[in-house]
Amino acid sequence: MTHDYKRNGTTTLFAAMSTLDGSVISCCAERHRPAEWLDFLRRINHETPKDKKLHLVCDNHATHKHPKVKKWLEKHPRFHVHSAPTSASWLNMVERFFRGISTDRLKRSVFRSAPELIAAIEEYIAAHNENPKPFVWTAKASDLLQKVIRANRRIGSRKNEAR
């Protein structure tokens, strides 16, 4: 950002991705509160086949665990919510989609208003949904586990050094 950078508004993007075909259900909202999250859950419920079980991988945002949300989920047993561990966004494939929209459409763009930003997001998602493709993991589980083991060793040695 430069000294003359001016923020012209923000939006919250809620998105659900089908891991089967890569299609995305989304909506933008002014805020990220339980009311907006419930509106999005209702949208998912409306736009997906009723006979399908839905597994949602969510971050640990308090909104996703609010009592009103829990009550709604109890009444909609086809929804199964899985919370990704903190700092493990790589487990959630919609995060890969968020990276794509950020780098391919939003980065280095100028939006003079929140509605202009929302229009750009909606156009990107509409184009994506015309020919969606699922994201495929290319890393091997053994490689990921080795990285975790190396990181744990480093963290453990730093803790020991501090003592």
C-alpha atoms as a PDB file:
ATOM      1  CA  MET A   1       0.000   0.000   0.000  1.00  0.00           C
ATOM      2  CA  THR A   2       1.141   3.508  -0.683  1.00  0.00           C
ATOM      3  CA  HIS A   3       0.760   6.607   1.475  1.00  0.00           C
ATOM      4  CA  ASP A   4      -2.251   7.706  -0.595  1.00  0.00           C
ATOM      5  CA  TYR A   5      -4.046   4.334  -0.447  1.00  0.00           C
ATOM      6  CA  LYS A   6      -7.748   4.738   0.250  1.00  0.00           C
ATOM      7  CA  ARG A   7      -9.986   1.869   1.238  1.00  0.00           C
ATOM      8  CA  ASN A   8     -13.336   2.158  -0.539  1.00  0.00           C
ATOM      9  CA  GLY A   9     -15.241  -0.489   1.358  1.00  0.00           C
ATOM     10  CA  THR A  10     -15.093  -4.184   2.044  1.00  0.00           C
ATOM     11  CA  THR A  11     -17.269  -7.237   1.799  1.00  0.00           C
ATOM     12  CA  THR A  12     -17.415 -10.674   3.341  1.00  0.00           C
ATOM     13  CA  LEU A  13     -17.382 -13.491   0.812  1.00  0.00           C
ATOM     14  CA  PHE A  14     -19.099 -16.686   1.894  1.00  0.00           C
ATOM     15  CA  ALA A  15     -18.375 -19.589  -0.443  1.00  0.00           C
ATOM     16  CA  ALA A  16     -19.071 -23.308  -0.536  1.00  0.00           C
ATOM     17  CA  MET A  17     -17.314 -25.487  -3.066  1.00  0.00           C
ATOM     18  CA  SER A  18     -18.364 -28.869  -4.354  1.00  0.00           C
ATOM     19  CA  THR A  19     -15.272 -31.025  -4.123  1.00  0.00           C
ATOM     20  CA  LEU A  20     -16.841 -33.307  -6.731  1.00  0.00           C
ATOM     21  CA  ASP A  21     -17.008 -30.826  -9.608  1.00  0.00           C
ATOM     22  CA  GLY A  22     -15.495 -27.570  -8.305  1.00  0.00           C
ATOM     23  CA  SER A  23     -18.661 -25.487  -8.599  1.00  0.00           C
ATOM     24  CA  VAL A  24     -19.136 -22.712  -6.058  1.00  0.00           C
ATOM     25  CA  ILE A  25     -22.162 -21.356  -4.212  1.00  0.00           C
ATOM     26  CA  SER A  26     -21.431 -17.912  -2.856  1.00  0.00           C
ATOM     27  CA  CYS A  27     -22.732 -14.642  -1.543  1.00  0.00           C
ATOM     28  CA  CYS A  28     -21.251 -11.389  -0.347  1.00  0.00           C
ATOM     29  CA  ALA A  29     -22.413  -9.735   2.841  1.00  0.00           C
ATOM     30  CA  GLU A  30     -21.589  -6.526   4.644  1.00  0.00           C
ATOM     31  CA  ARG A  31     -20.626  -8.372   7.817  1.00  0.00           C
ATOM     32  CA  HIS A  32     -19.668 -11.816   9.099  1.00  0.00           C
ATOM     33  CA  ARG A  33     -22.197 -12.367  11.867  1.00  0.00           C
ATOM     34  CA  PRO A  34     -24.413 -15.364  12.687  1.00  0.00           C
ATOM     35  CA  ALA A  35     -27.327 -13.809  10.760  1.00  0.00           C
ATOM     36  CA  GLU A  36     -25.310 -13.594   7.544  1.00  0.00           C
ATOM     37  CA  TRP A  37     -23.868 -17.080   8.061  1.00  0.00           C
ATOM     38  CA  LEU A  38     -27.382 -18.484   8.553  1.00  0.00           C
ATOM     39  CA  ASP A  39     -28.539 -16.749   5.368  1.00  0.00           C
ATOM     40  CA  PHE A  40     -25.686 -18.445   3.536  1.00  0.00           C
ATOM     41  CA  LEU A  41     -26.489 -21.854   5.049  1.00  0.00           C
ATOM     42  CA  ARG A  42     -30.101 -21.421   3.880  1.00  0.00           C
ATOM     43  CA  ARG A  43     -28.827 -20.610   0.406  1.00  0.00           C
ATOM     44  CA  ILE A  44     -26.711 -23.768   0.343  1.00  0.00           C
ATOM     45  CA  ASN A  45     -29.719 -25.748   1.566  1.00  0.00           C
ATOM     46  CA  HIS A  46     -31.907 -24.283  -1.184  1.00  0.00           C
ATOM     47  CA  GLU A  47     -29.381 -24.715  -4.022  1.00  0.00           C
ATOM     48  CA  THR A  48     -28.281 -28.303  -3.364  1.00  0.00           C
ATOM     49  CA  PRO A  49     -30.181 -31.559  -3.933  1.00  0.00           C
ATOM     50  CA  LYS A  50     -32.182 -32.422  -0.826  1.00  0.00           C
ATOM     51  CA  ASP A  51     -31.030 -36.063  -0.835  1.00  0.00           C
ATOM     52  CA  LYS A  52     -27.348 -35.122  -0.427  1.00  0.00           C
ATOM     53  CA  LYS A  53     -25.451 -34.990   2.834  1.00  0.00           C
ATOM     54  CA  LEU A  54     -23.405 -31.813   3.017  1.00  0.00           C
ATOM     55  CA  HIS A  55     -20.030 -31.683   4.728  1.00  0.00           C
ATOM     56  CA  LEU A  56     -18.874 -28.155   5.471  1.00  0.00           C
ATOM     57  CA  VAL A  57     -15.243 -27.570   6.367  1.00  0.00           C
ATOM     58  CA  CYS A  58     -15.136 -24.309   8.290  1.00  0.00           C
ATOM     59  CA  ASP A  59     -12.537 -22.255  10.075  1.00  0.00           C
ATOM     60  CA  ASN A  60     -12.871 -21.615  13.800  1.00  0.00           C
ATOM     61  CA  HIS A  61     -14.706 -18.301  13.469  1.00  0.00           C
ATOM     62  CA  ALA A  62     -17.078 -17.824  16.411  1.00  0.00           C
ATOM     63  CA  THR A  63     -19.930 -17.141  13.974  1.00  0.00           C
ATOM     64  CA  HIS A  64     -19.893 -20.784  12.869  1.00  0.00           C
ATOM     65  CA  LYS A  65     -20.462 -21.953  16.467  1.00  0.00           C
ATOM     66  CA  HIS A  66     -23.081 -19.451  17.582  1.00  0.00           C
ATOM     67  CA  PRO A  67     -26.095 -20.926  19.461  1.00  0.00           C
ATOM     68  CA  LYS A  68     -28.519 -19.790  16.725  1.00  0.00           C
ATOM     69  CA  VAL A  69     -26.350 -21.540  14.117  1.00  0.00           C
ATOM     70  CA  LYS A  70     -26.151 -24.705  16.225  1.00  0.00           C
ATOM     71  CA  LYS A  71     -29.942 -24.685  16.625  1.00  0.00           C
ATOM     72  CA  TRP A  72     -30.441 -24.319  12.853  1.00  0.00           C
ATOM     73  CA  LEU A  73     -27.959 -27.127  12.150  1.00  0.00           C
ATOM     74  CA  GLU A  74     -29.809 -29.436  14.569  1.00  0.00           C
ATOM     75  CA  LYS A  75     -32.945 -28.919  12.461  1.00  0.00           C
ATOM     76  CA  HIS A  76     -30.995 -29.674   9.263  1.00  0.00           C
ATOM     77  CA  PRO A  77     -29.221 -32.976   9.909  1.00  0.00           C
ATOM     78  CA  ARG A  78     -27.901 -33.305   6.354  1.00  0.00           C
ATOM     79  CA  PHE A  79     -25.352 -30.612   7.262  1.00  0.00           C
ATOM     80  CA  HIS A  80     -22.189 -31.933   8.887  1.00  0.00           C
ATOM     81  CA  VAL A  81     -19.792 -29.230  10.048  1.00  0.00           C
ATOM     82  CA  HIS A  82     -16.087 -29.985  10.399  1.00  0.00           C
ATOM     83  CA  SER A  83     -13.824 -27.365  11.949  1.00  0.00           C
ATOM     84  CA  ALA A  84     -10.369 -27.146  10.440  1.00  0.00           C
ATOM     85  CA  PRO A  85      -7.618 -26.823  13.026  1.00  0.00           C
ATOM     86  CA  THR A  86      -6.136 -23.374  13.573  1.00  0.00           C
ATOM     87  CA  SER A  87      -3.473 -22.554  10.956  1.00  0.00           C
ATOM     88  CA  ALA A  88      -4.590 -25.425   8.734  1.00  0.00           C
ATOM     89  CA  SER A  89      -6.470 -23.566   6.013  1.00  0.00           C
ATOM     90  CA  TRP A  90      -4.737 -25.822   3.465  1.00  0.00           C
ATOM     91  CA  LEU A  91      -7.170 -28.568   4.561  1.00  0.00           C
ATOM     92  CA  ASN A  92     -10.092 -26.564   3.202  1.00  0.00           C
ATOM     93  CA  MET A  93     -10.273 -26.634  -0.601  1.00  0.00           C
ATOM     94  CA  VAL A  94     -12.381 -23.482  -0.800  1.00  0.00           C
ATOM     95  CA  GLU A  95      -9.332 -21.641   0.561  1.00  0.00           C
ATOM     96  CA  ARG A  96      -7.552 -22.607  -2.669  1.00  0.00           C
ATOM     97  CA  PHE A  97     -10.429 -21.008  -4.555  1.00  0.00           C
ATOM     98  CA  PHE A  98     -10.089 -17.855  -2.409  1.00  0.00           C
ATOM     99  CA  ARG A  99      -6.412 -17.684  -3.321  1.00  0.00           C
ATOM    100  CA  GLY A 100      -7.332 -17.947  -6.997  1.00  0.00           C
ATOM    101  CA  ILE A 101      -9.890 -15.165  -6.884  1.00  0.00           C
ATOM    102  CA  SER A 102      -7.429 -13.000  -4.955  1.00  0.00           C
ATOM    103  CA  THR A 103      -4.516 -13.481  -7.345  1.00  0.00           C
ATOM    104  CA  ASP A 104      -6.457 -13.742 -10.609  1.00  0.00           C
ATOM    105  CA  ARG A 105      -9.068 -11.020 -10.103  1.00  0.00           C
ATOM    106  CA  LEU A 106      -8.634  -8.840  -7.030  1.00  0.00           C
ATOM    107  CA  LYS A 107      -4.899  -8.295  -6.616  1.00  0.00           C
ATOM    108  CA  ARG A 108      -3.710  -4.990  -8.061  1.00  0.00           C
ATOM    109  CA  SER A 109      -7.273  -4.014  -8.966  1.00  0.00           C
ATOM    110  CA  VAL A 110      -8.868  -0.741  -7.946  1.00  0.00           C
ATOM    111  CA  PHE A 111     -12.457  -0.703  -6.759  1.00  0.00           C
ATOM    112  CA  ARG A 112     -14.072   2.625  -6.054  1.00  0.00           C
ATOM    113  CA  SER A 113     -16.870   1.148  -3.951  1.00  0.00           C
ATOM    114  CA  ALA A 114     -17.952  -2.040  -2.231  1.00  0.00           C
ATOM    115  CA  PRO A 115     -20.640  -2.682  -4.901  1.00  0.00           C
ATOM    116  CA  GLU A 116     -17.924  -2.491  -7.583  1.00  0.00           C
ATOM    117  CA  LEU A 117     -15.846  -5.026  -5.618  1.00  0.00           C
ATOM    118  CA  ILE A 118     -18.857  -7.322  -5.191  1.00  0.00           C
ATOM    119  CA  ALA A 119     -19.630  -7.130  -8.920  1.00  0.00           C
ATOM    120  CA  ALA A 120     -16.054  -8.209  -9.723  1.00  0.00           C
ATOM    121  CA  ILE A 121     -16.302 -11.134  -7.303  1.00  0.00           C
ATOM    122  CA  GLU A 122     -19.671 -12.227  -8.691  1.00  0.00           C
ATOM    123  CA  GLU A 123     -18.402 -12.012 -12.290  1.00  0.00           C
ATOM    124  CA  TYR A 124     -15.368 -14.140 -11.403  1.00  0.00           C
ATOM    125  CA  ILE A 125     -17.505 -16.789  -9.702  1.00  0.00           C
ATOM    126  CA  ALA A 126     -20.019 -16.861 -12.572  1.00  0.00           C
ATOM    127  CA  ALA A 127     -17.182 -17.390 -15.052  1.00  0.00           C
ATOM    128  CA  HIS A 128     -15.663 -20.071 -12.817  1.00  0.00           C
ATOM    129  CA  ASN A 129     -19.013 -21.899 -12.589  1.00  0.00           C
ATOM    130  CA  GLU A 130     -19.399 -21.987 -16.385  1.00  0.00           C
ATOM    131  CA  ASN A 131     -16.601 -24.546 -16.524  1.00  0.00           C
ATOM    132  CA  PRO A 132     -15.776 -25.599 -12.954  1.00  0.00           C
ATOM    133  CA  LYS A 133     -12.986 -28.009 -12.191  1.00  0.00           C
ATOM    134  CA  PRO A 134     -12.295 -29.706  -8.891  1.00  0.00           C
ATOM    135  CA  PHE A 135      -9.016 -28.934  -7.174  1.00  0.00           C
ATOM    136  CA  VAL A 136      -6.832 -32.002  -7.025  1.00  0.00           C
ATOM    137  CA  TRP A 137      -4.199 -32.464  -4.358  1.00  0.00           C
ATOM    138  CA  THR A 138      -0.859 -33.237  -5.927  1.00  0.00           C
ATOM    139  CA  ALA A 139       1.149 -33.610  -2.729  1.00  0.00           C
ATOM    140  CA  LYS A 140       1.636 -37.086  -1.354  1.00  0.00           C
ATOM    141  CA  ALA A 141       0.488 -37.752   2.200  1.00  0.00           C
ATOM    142  CA  SER A 142       3.963 -39.066   3.072  1.00  0.00           C
ATOM    143  CA  ASP A 143       5.529 -35.750   1.967  1.00  0.00           C
ATOM    144  CA  LEU A 144       3.071 -33.758   4.076  1.00  0.00           C
ATOM    145  CA  LEU A 145       3.735 -35.936   7.106  1.00  0.00           C
ATOM    146  CA  GLN A 146       7.491 -35.460   6.717  1.00  0.00           C
ATOM    147  CA  LYS A 147       7.004 -31.677   6.687  1.00  0.00           C
ATOM    148  CA  VAL A 148       4.932 -31.894   9.865  1.00  0.00           C
ATOM    149  CA  ILE A 149       7.603 -34.047  11.531  1.00  0.00           C
ATOM    150  CA  ARG A 150      10.370 -31.583  10.552  1.00  0.00           C
ATOM    151  CA  ALA A 151       8.318 -28.628  11.813  1.00  0.00           C
ATOM    152  CA  ASN A 152       7.617 -30.366  15.121  1.00  0.00           C
ATOM    153  CA  ARG A 153      11.323 -31.075  15.566  1.00  0.00           C
ATOM    154  CA  ARG A 154      12.180 -27.418  14.928  1.00  0.00           C
ATOM    155  CA  ILE A 155       9.490 -26.178  17.284  1.00  0.00           C
ATOM    156  CA  GLY A 156      10.566 -28.677  19.932  1.00  0.00           C
ATOM    157  CA  SER A 157      14.218 -27.679  19.686  1.00  0.00           C
ATOM    158  CA  ARG A 158      13.329 -23.967  19.983  1.00  0.00           C
ATOM    159  CA  LYS A 159      11.299 -24.660  23.118  1.00  0.00           C
ATOM    160  CA  ASN A 160      14.258 -26.579  24.581  1.00  0.00           C
ATOM    161  CA  GLU A 161      16.653 -23.736  23.674  1.00  0.00           C
ATOM    162  CA  ALA A 162      14.436 -21.240  25.520  1.00  0.00           C
ATOM    163  CA  ARG A 163      14.636 -23.319  28.697  1.00  0.00           C
END
